[in-house]
N, C-alpha and C. Protein backbone atom coordinates (compact mmCIF):
# COMPACT_ATOMS: atom_id res chain seq x y z
N MET A 1 0.86 -1.15 0.01
CA MET A 1 0.04 -0.02 0.03
C MET A 1 0.90 1.24 0.00
N GLU A 2 0.61 2.19 -0.85
CA GLU A 2 1.32 3.41 -0.89
C GLU A 2 1.13 4.28 0.31
N GLN A 3 2.10 5.16 0.54
CA GLN A 3 2.01 6.05 1.72
C GLN A 3 1.88 7.46 1.24
N PRO A 4 1.05 8.30 1.93
CA PRO A 4 1.02 9.68 1.64
C PRO A 4 2.34 10.33 2.14
N LEU A 5 2.51 11.63 1.79
CA LEU A 5 3.70 12.28 2.34
C LEU A 5 3.62 12.14 3.86
N PRO A 6 4.79 12.08 4.54
CA PRO A 6 4.81 11.72 5.95
C PRO A 6 4.02 12.63 6.90
N THR A 7 3.65 13.82 6.47
CA THR A 7 3.01 14.70 7.34
C THR A 7 1.50 14.48 7.36
N ALA A 8 0.95 13.50 6.67
CA ALA A 8 -0.50 13.37 6.48
C ALA A 8 -1.27 13.34 7.83
N ALA A 9 -0.89 12.49 8.74
CA ALA A 9 -1.58 12.43 10.04
C ALA A 9 -1.49 13.78 10.79
N ALA A 10 -0.27 14.34 10.86
CA ALA A 10 -0.11 15.56 11.60
C ALA A 10 -0.94 16.69 10.91
N GLU A 11 -0.92 16.74 9.60
CA GLU A 11 -1.57 17.80 8.78
C GLU A 11 -3.12 17.63 9.09
N ALA A 12 -3.69 16.47 8.97
CA ALA A 12 -5.14 16.30 9.27
C ALA A 12 -5.54 16.63 10.67
N ALA A 13 -4.68 16.21 11.60
CA ALA A 13 -4.98 16.64 12.91
C ALA A 13 -4.92 18.16 13.21
N ALA A 14 -3.85 18.70 12.69
CA ALA A 14 -3.67 20.16 12.89
C ALA A 14 -4.76 20.97 12.19
N ALA A 15 -5.23 20.56 11.05
CA ALA A 15 -6.19 21.43 10.39
C ALA A 15 -7.68 20.93 10.66
N GLY A 16 -7.82 19.92 11.47
CA GLY A 16 -9.19 19.54 11.85
C GLY A 16 -9.88 18.61 10.85
N GLY A 17 -9.28 18.29 9.75
CA GLY A 17 -9.89 17.47 8.74
C GLY A 17 -11.09 18.11 8.09
N ASP A 18 -11.70 17.39 7.14
CA ASP A 18 -12.86 17.90 6.45
C ASP A 18 -14.05 16.96 6.83
N GLY A 19 -15.23 17.43 6.77
CA GLY A 19 -16.36 16.65 7.10
C GLY A 19 -16.54 15.46 6.12
N ASP A 20 -17.03 14.39 6.62
CA ASP A 20 -17.21 13.20 5.83
C ASP A 20 -18.18 13.37 4.70
N GLY A 21 -19.18 14.26 4.96
CA GLY A 21 -20.28 14.40 3.93
C GLY A 21 -19.91 15.42 2.83
N GLU A 22 -18.71 15.98 2.82
CA GLU A 22 -18.36 16.98 1.82
C GLU A 22 -18.03 16.34 0.47
N ALA A 23 -18.31 17.08 -0.56
CA ALA A 23 -18.04 16.62 -1.95
C ALA A 23 -16.51 16.52 -2.28
N TYR A 24 -15.71 17.27 -1.54
CA TYR A 24 -14.26 17.30 -1.83
C TYR A 24 -13.52 17.10 -0.52
N ARG A 25 -12.56 16.25 -0.58
CA ARG A 25 -11.72 16.04 0.58
C ARG A 25 -10.33 16.65 0.38
N ILE A 26 -9.92 17.46 1.30
CA ILE A 26 -8.50 18.02 1.20
C ILE A 26 -7.63 17.04 1.99
N ARG A 27 -6.61 16.69 1.24
CA ARG A 27 -5.59 15.71 1.84
C ARG A 27 -4.23 15.89 1.16
N PRO A 28 -3.24 15.28 1.83
CA PRO A 28 -1.87 15.33 1.25
C PRO A 28 -1.77 14.59 -0.08
N LEU A 29 -0.93 15.01 -0.93
CA LEU A 29 -0.62 14.40 -2.18
C LEU A 29 -0.22 12.90 -1.96
N GLU A 30 -0.61 11.99 -2.78
CA GLU A 30 -0.23 10.57 -2.72
C GLU A 30 0.40 10.18 -4.06
N LEU A 31 1.17 9.14 -4.07
CA LEU A 31 1.75 8.61 -5.35
C LEU A 31 0.75 8.33 -6.38
N ALA A 32 -0.37 7.80 -6.01
CA ALA A 32 -1.42 7.35 -6.94
C ALA A 32 -2.06 8.56 -7.56
N ASP A 33 -1.79 9.82 -7.12
CA ASP A 33 -2.45 10.96 -7.67
C ASP A 33 -2.06 11.24 -9.06
N ILE A 34 -0.94 10.64 -9.49
CA ILE A 34 -0.54 10.85 -10.90
C ILE A 34 -1.59 10.28 -11.79
N SER A 35 -2.35 9.28 -11.36
CA SER A 35 -3.47 8.70 -12.18
C SER A 35 -4.71 9.36 -11.90
N ARG A 36 -4.78 10.33 -10.96
CA ARG A 36 -6.04 11.06 -10.63
C ARG A 36 -6.10 12.44 -11.12
N GLY A 37 -5.20 12.69 -12.05
CA GLY A 37 -5.24 14.02 -12.82
C GLY A 37 -4.31 15.11 -12.11
N PHE A 38 -3.40 14.74 -11.31
CA PHE A 38 -2.53 15.79 -10.68
C PHE A 38 -1.74 16.58 -11.67
N LEU A 39 -1.04 15.89 -12.61
CA LEU A 39 -0.25 16.58 -13.55
C LEU A 39 -1.05 17.44 -14.55
N GLY A 40 -2.23 16.99 -14.91
CA GLY A 40 -3.10 17.76 -15.76
C GLY A 40 -3.56 19.06 -15.02
N LEU A 41 -3.79 18.88 -13.70
CA LEU A 41 -4.23 20.04 -12.92
C LEU A 41 -3.07 21.11 -12.89
N LEU A 42 -1.82 20.61 -12.62
CA LEU A 42 -0.70 21.58 -12.63
C LEU A 42 -0.47 22.21 -13.98
N ASN A 43 -0.81 21.48 -15.08
CA ASN A 43 -0.63 21.99 -16.44
C ASN A 43 -1.61 23.14 -16.64
N GLN A 44 -2.73 23.21 -15.92
CA GLN A 44 -3.64 24.43 -16.05
C GLN A 44 -3.00 25.64 -15.40
N LEU A 45 -2.13 25.48 -14.44
CA LEU A 45 -1.41 26.57 -13.79
C LEU A 45 -0.23 26.99 -14.72
N SER A 46 0.53 26.03 -15.18
CA SER A 46 1.75 26.40 -15.91
C SER A 46 2.00 25.22 -16.91
N PRO A 47 1.64 25.36 -18.17
CA PRO A 47 1.88 24.32 -19.14
C PRO A 47 3.41 23.84 -19.08
N SER A 48 3.49 22.58 -19.05
CA SER A 48 4.76 21.91 -18.96
C SER A 48 4.92 20.66 -19.88
N PRO A 49 6.12 20.27 -20.20
CA PRO A 49 6.27 19.00 -20.98
C PRO A 49 5.72 17.85 -20.05
N PRO A 50 5.33 16.74 -20.69
CA PRO A 50 4.89 15.61 -19.89
C PRO A 50 5.96 15.08 -18.91
N LEU A 51 5.49 14.54 -17.85
CA LEU A 51 6.37 13.97 -16.83
C LEU A 51 6.11 12.46 -16.71
N THR A 52 7.18 11.71 -16.75
CA THR A 52 7.06 10.23 -16.66
C THR A 52 6.64 9.86 -15.25
N GLU A 53 6.11 8.65 -15.09
CA GLU A 53 5.69 8.17 -13.79
C GLU A 53 6.97 7.94 -12.95
N GLU A 54 8.06 7.63 -13.53
CA GLU A 54 9.32 7.42 -12.82
C GLU A 54 9.83 8.80 -12.27
N ALA A 55 9.71 9.85 -13.07
CA ALA A 55 10.14 11.20 -12.64
C ALA A 55 9.24 11.71 -11.55
N PHE A 56 7.88 11.44 -11.67
CA PHE A 56 6.91 11.82 -10.67
C PHE A 56 7.27 11.10 -9.34
N ARG A 57 7.54 9.82 -9.38
CA ARG A 57 7.86 9.10 -8.21
C ARG A 57 9.20 9.61 -7.52
N ALA A 58 10.14 9.87 -8.31
CA ALA A 58 11.39 10.37 -7.82
C ALA A 58 11.19 11.72 -7.10
N ARG A 59 10.48 12.55 -7.73
CA ARG A 59 10.24 13.92 -7.06
C ARG A 59 9.46 13.75 -5.81
N PHE A 60 8.38 12.91 -5.87
CA PHE A 60 7.54 12.72 -4.68
C PHE A 60 8.45 12.21 -3.51
N GLU A 61 9.25 11.28 -3.82
CA GLU A 61 10.10 10.69 -2.72
C GLU A 61 11.07 11.80 -2.16
N GLU A 62 11.60 12.65 -3.11
CA GLU A 62 12.45 13.69 -2.72
C GLU A 62 11.76 14.69 -1.79
N LEU A 63 10.54 15.03 -2.16
CA LEU A 63 9.75 15.98 -1.32
C LEU A 63 9.36 15.35 -0.03
N ALA A 64 9.05 14.04 -0.08
CA ALA A 64 8.61 13.34 1.21
C ALA A 64 9.77 13.35 2.24
N ALA A 65 11.01 13.25 1.72
CA ALA A 65 12.19 13.32 2.58
C ALA A 65 12.37 14.61 3.32
N LEU A 66 11.74 15.66 2.82
CA LEU A 66 11.74 17.02 3.51
C LEU A 66 10.79 16.97 4.67
N GLY A 67 9.99 15.98 4.84
CA GLY A 67 9.05 15.94 6.00
C GLY A 67 8.07 17.03 5.98
N ALA A 68 7.84 17.63 7.15
CA ALA A 68 6.79 18.67 7.32
C ALA A 68 7.14 20.01 6.69
N ASP A 69 8.39 20.13 6.15
CA ASP A 69 8.84 21.39 5.61
C ASP A 69 8.41 21.54 4.17
N HIS A 70 7.67 20.57 3.59
CA HIS A 70 7.19 20.68 2.27
C HIS A 70 5.80 19.90 2.25
N LEU A 71 4.72 20.54 2.01
CA LEU A 71 3.47 19.88 2.03
C LEU A 71 2.64 20.22 0.78
N VAL A 72 2.24 19.30 0.03
CA VAL A 72 1.41 19.36 -1.15
C VAL A 72 0.03 18.85 -0.74
N LEU A 73 -0.95 19.73 -0.87
CA LEU A 73 -2.36 19.27 -0.61
C LEU A 73 -3.16 19.22 -1.89
N VAL A 74 -4.13 18.36 -1.92
CA VAL A 74 -4.99 18.28 -3.10
C VAL A 74 -6.39 18.22 -2.58
N ALA A 75 -7.33 18.57 -3.43
CA ALA A 75 -8.77 18.48 -3.16
C ALA A 75 -9.28 17.37 -4.09
N GLU A 76 -9.79 16.29 -3.51
CA GLU A 76 -10.21 15.13 -4.26
C GLU A 76 -11.77 15.08 -4.24
N ASP A 77 -12.28 14.91 -5.40
CA ASP A 77 -13.76 14.72 -5.60
C ASP A 77 -14.16 13.44 -5.03
N ALA A 78 -14.92 13.46 -3.95
CA ALA A 78 -15.31 12.20 -3.26
C ALA A 78 -16.07 11.22 -4.17
N ALA A 79 -16.86 11.76 -5.16
CA ALA A 79 -17.57 10.89 -5.98
C ALA A 79 -16.74 10.22 -7.14
N THR A 80 -15.84 10.89 -7.69
CA THR A 80 -15.06 10.35 -8.78
C THR A 80 -13.58 10.09 -8.51
N GLY A 81 -12.99 10.56 -7.39
CA GLY A 81 -11.63 10.27 -7.12
C GLY A 81 -10.70 11.20 -7.90
N ARG A 82 -11.25 12.10 -8.84
CA ARG A 82 -10.47 13.05 -9.52
C ARG A 82 -10.01 14.13 -8.64
N LEU A 83 -8.83 14.71 -9.00
CA LEU A 83 -8.36 15.89 -8.25
C LEU A 83 -8.94 17.19 -8.86
N ALA A 84 -9.41 18.10 -7.97
CA ALA A 84 -9.99 19.33 -8.45
C ALA A 84 -9.15 20.52 -8.06
N ALA A 85 -8.24 20.38 -7.13
CA ALA A 85 -7.44 21.62 -6.67
C ALA A 85 -6.19 21.06 -6.10
N ALA A 86 -5.22 21.97 -5.99
CA ALA A 86 -3.91 21.58 -5.37
C ALA A 86 -3.21 22.85 -4.92
N GLY A 87 -2.25 22.71 -4.02
CA GLY A 87 -1.41 23.81 -3.63
C GLY A 87 -0.29 23.18 -2.72
N ALA A 88 0.72 24.02 -2.53
CA ALA A 88 1.94 23.52 -1.73
C ALA A 88 2.28 24.67 -0.77
N VAL A 89 3.05 24.22 0.30
CA VAL A 89 3.66 25.20 1.18
C VAL A 89 5.06 24.63 1.51
N LEU A 90 6.00 25.52 1.41
CA LEU A 90 7.38 25.21 1.66
C LEU A 90 7.83 26.03 2.89
N VAL A 91 8.46 25.41 3.87
CA VAL A 91 8.83 26.13 5.06
C VAL A 91 10.34 26.47 4.88
N GLU A 92 10.67 27.70 4.88
CA GLU A 92 12.03 28.22 4.77
C GLU A 92 12.58 28.55 6.16
N ARG A 93 13.73 27.96 6.44
CA ARG A 93 14.39 28.13 7.73
C ARG A 93 15.40 29.38 7.62
N LYS A 94 15.24 30.34 8.50
CA LYS A 94 15.96 31.59 8.36
C LYS A 94 16.92 31.71 9.55
N PHE A 95 17.84 32.69 9.35
CA PHE A 95 18.71 33.13 10.48
C PHE A 95 18.06 34.24 11.19
N ILE A 96 17.47 35.22 10.45
CA ILE A 96 16.79 36.34 11.09
C ILE A 96 15.56 35.91 11.92
N ARG A 97 15.06 36.75 12.74
CA ARG A 97 13.93 36.47 13.64
C ARG A 97 14.23 35.29 14.50
N ARG A 98 15.43 35.30 15.08
CA ARG A 98 15.90 34.22 16.00
C ARG A 98 15.69 32.85 15.32
N CYS A 99 16.21 32.70 14.16
CA CYS A 99 16.16 31.49 13.42
C CYS A 99 14.73 31.12 13.07
N GLY A 100 13.95 32.15 12.66
CA GLY A 100 12.52 31.93 12.34
C GLY A 100 12.25 31.19 11.12
N ARG A 101 11.04 30.94 10.83
CA ARG A 101 10.56 30.22 9.67
C ARG A 101 9.58 31.02 8.92
N VAL A 102 9.62 30.86 7.53
CA VAL A 102 8.70 31.53 6.68
C VAL A 102 7.99 30.50 5.83
N GLY A 103 6.71 30.49 5.62
CA GLY A 103 5.95 29.66 4.79
C GLY A 103 5.80 30.33 3.40
N HIS A 104 6.10 29.57 2.32
CA HIS A 104 5.89 30.07 0.97
C HIS A 104 4.88 29.15 0.32
N VAL A 105 3.69 29.78 0.03
CA VAL A 105 2.61 29.09 -0.67
C VAL A 105 2.92 29.16 -2.13
N GLU A 106 2.78 27.98 -2.78
CA GLU A 106 3.13 27.86 -4.17
C GLU A 106 2.14 26.98 -4.93
N ASP A 107 2.02 27.09 -6.22
CA ASP A 107 1.38 26.19 -7.21
C ASP A 107 -0.08 25.96 -6.68
N VAL A 108 -0.73 26.98 -6.42
CA VAL A 108 -2.21 26.88 -6.09
C VAL A 108 -2.99 26.87 -7.37
N VAL A 109 -3.78 25.82 -7.55
CA VAL A 109 -4.56 25.74 -8.81
C VAL A 109 -5.89 24.97 -8.53
N VAL A 110 -6.95 25.46 -9.22
CA VAL A 110 -8.30 24.89 -9.14
C VAL A 110 -8.65 24.55 -10.58
N ASP A 111 -9.13 23.29 -10.73
CA ASP A 111 -9.53 22.82 -12.08
C ASP A 111 -10.57 23.85 -12.59
N ALA A 112 -10.46 24.10 -13.90
CA ALA A 112 -11.41 25.12 -14.46
C ALA A 112 -12.89 24.76 -14.32
N ALA A 113 -13.17 23.43 -14.33
CA ALA A 113 -14.52 22.94 -14.14
C ALA A 113 -15.02 23.04 -12.70
N ALA A 114 -14.11 23.25 -11.73
CA ALA A 114 -14.49 23.24 -10.31
C ALA A 114 -14.36 24.59 -9.61
N ARG A 115 -14.09 25.56 -10.43
CA ARG A 115 -13.85 26.95 -9.86
C ARG A 115 -15.13 27.52 -9.36
N GLY A 116 -15.01 28.38 -8.30
CA GLY A 116 -16.18 28.98 -7.78
C GLY A 116 -16.90 28.21 -6.65
N ARG A 117 -16.21 27.14 -6.21
CA ARG A 117 -16.77 26.26 -5.16
C ARG A 117 -16.03 26.44 -3.86
N GLY A 118 -15.09 27.33 -3.78
CA GLY A 118 -14.35 27.62 -2.54
C GLY A 118 -13.24 26.56 -2.23
N LEU A 119 -12.87 25.77 -3.30
CA LEU A 119 -11.76 24.82 -3.11
C LEU A 119 -10.43 25.51 -2.94
N GLY A 120 -10.13 26.53 -3.70
CA GLY A 120 -8.90 27.17 -3.65
C GLY A 120 -8.72 27.78 -2.29
N GLU A 121 -9.69 28.41 -1.75
CA GLU A 121 -9.70 29.02 -0.46
C GLU A 121 -9.46 27.99 0.64
N ARG A 122 -10.10 26.85 0.50
CA ARG A 122 -9.95 25.73 1.54
C ARG A 122 -8.54 25.22 1.48
N VAL A 123 -7.94 25.07 0.30
CA VAL A 123 -6.59 24.55 0.19
C VAL A 123 -5.63 25.54 0.83
N VAL A 124 -5.82 26.82 0.38
CA VAL A 124 -4.94 27.85 0.90
C VAL A 124 -4.93 27.94 2.46
N ARG A 125 -6.14 27.97 2.94
CA ARG A 125 -6.31 28.09 4.40
C ARG A 125 -5.57 26.86 5.12
N ARG A 126 -5.72 25.69 4.58
CA ARG A 126 -5.07 24.47 5.16
C ARG A 126 -3.52 24.70 5.08
N LEU A 127 -3.07 25.22 3.96
CA LEU A 127 -1.58 25.39 3.86
C LEU A 127 -1.12 26.37 4.83
N VAL A 128 -1.86 27.45 5.03
CA VAL A 128 -1.47 28.50 6.00
C VAL A 128 -1.50 27.99 7.45
N GLU A 129 -2.46 27.16 7.71
CA GLU A 129 -2.53 26.55 9.11
C GLU A 129 -1.35 25.61 9.30
N HIS A 130 -0.97 24.89 8.32
CA HIS A 130 0.20 24.02 8.34
C HIS A 130 1.44 24.80 8.68
N ALA A 131 1.65 25.97 7.93
CA ALA A 131 2.79 26.76 8.17
C ALA A 131 2.82 27.31 9.59
N ARG A 132 1.59 27.75 10.01
CA ARG A 132 1.51 28.31 11.46
C ARG A 132 1.87 27.17 12.46
N GLY A 133 1.46 26.00 12.18
CA GLY A 133 1.71 24.89 13.02
C GLY A 133 3.17 24.57 13.06
N ARG A 134 3.92 24.79 12.01
CA ARG A 134 5.39 24.64 11.84
C ARG A 134 6.16 25.82 12.43
N GLY A 135 5.46 26.87 13.01
CA GLY A 135 6.20 27.95 13.72
C GLY A 135 6.51 29.06 12.79
N CYS A 136 5.98 29.14 11.57
CA CYS A 136 6.27 30.25 10.77
C CYS A 136 5.76 31.58 11.24
N TYR A 137 6.59 32.63 11.12
CA TYR A 137 6.16 33.93 11.57
C TYR A 137 5.39 34.70 10.54
N LYS A 138 5.47 34.20 9.28
CA LYS A 138 4.62 34.75 8.25
C LYS A 138 4.53 33.75 7.08
N VAL A 139 3.52 33.90 6.26
CA VAL A 139 3.34 33.12 5.07
C VAL A 139 3.25 34.11 3.89
N ILE A 140 3.91 33.81 2.83
CA ILE A 140 3.97 34.75 1.63
C ILE A 140 3.54 33.95 0.39
N ILE A 141 3.04 34.70 -0.60
CA ILE A 141 2.68 34.07 -1.86
C ILE A 141 2.90 35.15 -2.89
N ASN A 142 3.36 34.80 -4.05
CA ASN A 142 3.45 35.62 -5.16
C ASN A 142 2.33 35.25 -6.11
N CYS A 143 1.55 36.36 -6.66
CA CYS A 143 0.55 36.07 -7.57
C CYS A 143 0.43 37.11 -8.63
N THR A 144 -0.47 36.87 -9.60
CA THR A 144 -0.68 37.92 -10.55
C THR A 144 -1.71 38.94 -10.01
N PRO A 145 -1.73 40.17 -10.56
CA PRO A 145 -2.63 41.16 -10.05
C PRO A 145 -4.18 40.71 -10.03
N GLU A 146 -4.48 39.90 -10.95
CA GLU A 146 -5.91 39.37 -11.04
C GLU A 146 -6.25 38.57 -9.85
N LEU A 147 -5.26 37.97 -9.20
CA LEU A 147 -5.62 37.02 -8.12
C LEU A 147 -5.46 37.67 -6.73
N THR A 148 -5.11 39.01 -6.65
CA THR A 148 -4.91 39.58 -5.37
C THR A 148 -6.22 39.58 -4.58
N GLY A 149 -7.41 39.73 -5.21
CA GLY A 149 -8.65 39.77 -4.48
C GLY A 149 -8.84 38.36 -3.92
N PHE A 150 -8.60 37.25 -4.62
CA PHE A 150 -8.74 35.95 -4.06
C PHE A 150 -7.89 35.71 -2.81
N TYR A 151 -6.60 36.12 -2.89
CA TYR A 151 -5.73 35.92 -1.76
C TYR A 151 -6.06 36.82 -0.58
N ALA A 152 -6.65 38.02 -0.83
CA ALA A 152 -7.09 38.83 0.17
C ALA A 152 -8.26 38.21 0.96
N LYS A 153 -9.10 37.39 0.31
CA LYS A 153 -10.20 36.65 0.96
C LYS A 153 -9.57 35.57 1.86
N CYS A 154 -8.35 35.14 1.56
CA CYS A 154 -7.70 34.18 2.34
C CYS A 154 -6.85 34.83 3.54
N GLY A 155 -6.97 36.05 3.61
CA GLY A 155 -6.20 36.77 4.72
C GLY A 155 -4.95 37.46 4.36
N PHE A 156 -4.44 37.31 3.17
CA PHE A 156 -3.22 37.92 2.72
C PHE A 156 -3.46 39.44 2.39
N VAL A 157 -2.38 40.20 2.60
CA VAL A 157 -2.38 41.70 2.29
C VAL A 157 -1.21 41.95 1.38
N GLU A 158 -1.45 42.87 0.48
CA GLU A 158 -0.40 43.25 -0.50
C GLU A 158 0.75 43.87 0.14
N LYS A 159 1.96 43.37 -0.11
CA LYS A 159 3.15 43.91 0.54
C LYS A 159 4.34 43.75 -0.37
N ASN A 160 5.13 44.86 -0.57
CA ASN A 160 6.30 44.75 -1.40
C ASN A 160 6.00 44.46 -2.87
N VAL A 161 7.10 44.17 -3.61
CA VAL A 161 6.96 43.92 -5.04
C VAL A 161 7.73 42.59 -5.32
N GLN A 162 7.08 41.81 -6.13
CA GLN A 162 7.71 40.58 -6.61
C GLN A 162 8.60 40.84 -7.78
N MET A 163 9.77 40.23 -7.82
CA MET A 163 10.63 40.31 -9.03
C MET A 163 11.12 38.87 -9.27
N GLY A 164 11.43 38.58 -10.48
CA GLY A 164 11.89 37.27 -10.83
C GLY A 164 12.92 37.22 -11.83
N LEU A 165 13.77 36.28 -11.81
CA LEU A 165 14.82 35.99 -12.76
C LEU A 165 14.63 34.59 -13.34
N TYR A 166 14.23 34.38 -14.46
CA TYR A 166 13.90 33.03 -14.98
C TYR A 166 15.00 32.53 -15.84
N PHE A 167 15.22 31.16 -15.83
CA PHE A 167 16.19 30.56 -16.70
C PHE A 167 15.63 29.55 -17.58
């Protein structure tokens, strides 16, 4: 039987889980999610070349080795088993703030057919709670101007300017 990322039990307990009767269950990424539409979901966020199952497994294991410092959550449709949303949080360990920690929310995506159901907000809130539980003094996210309203609903405030250098 495959194992979810090692933080699954701690994440579920910290976030209080989701009700049994809900149409979507928020849970940690599992190896089997490659066949539940995870890569297609990410492709809606940022089109990428196809990823082999071997490459997916290798990256999954690499991220699992980071323990609670890297969590990928998905929203699974309880009726079909297909994934409808995903997001990740990475915990950065700093020297400033007395060796503080910062949570970085990344790769938040909701399937086009499932938007407007609150899935993105549920995933983001769970990621933020995970970061808080890891002792982060702040959680940050970079987004396009069109998404600032969405992230404001999740409690984020606009601060500073994002810049990037892409290779």
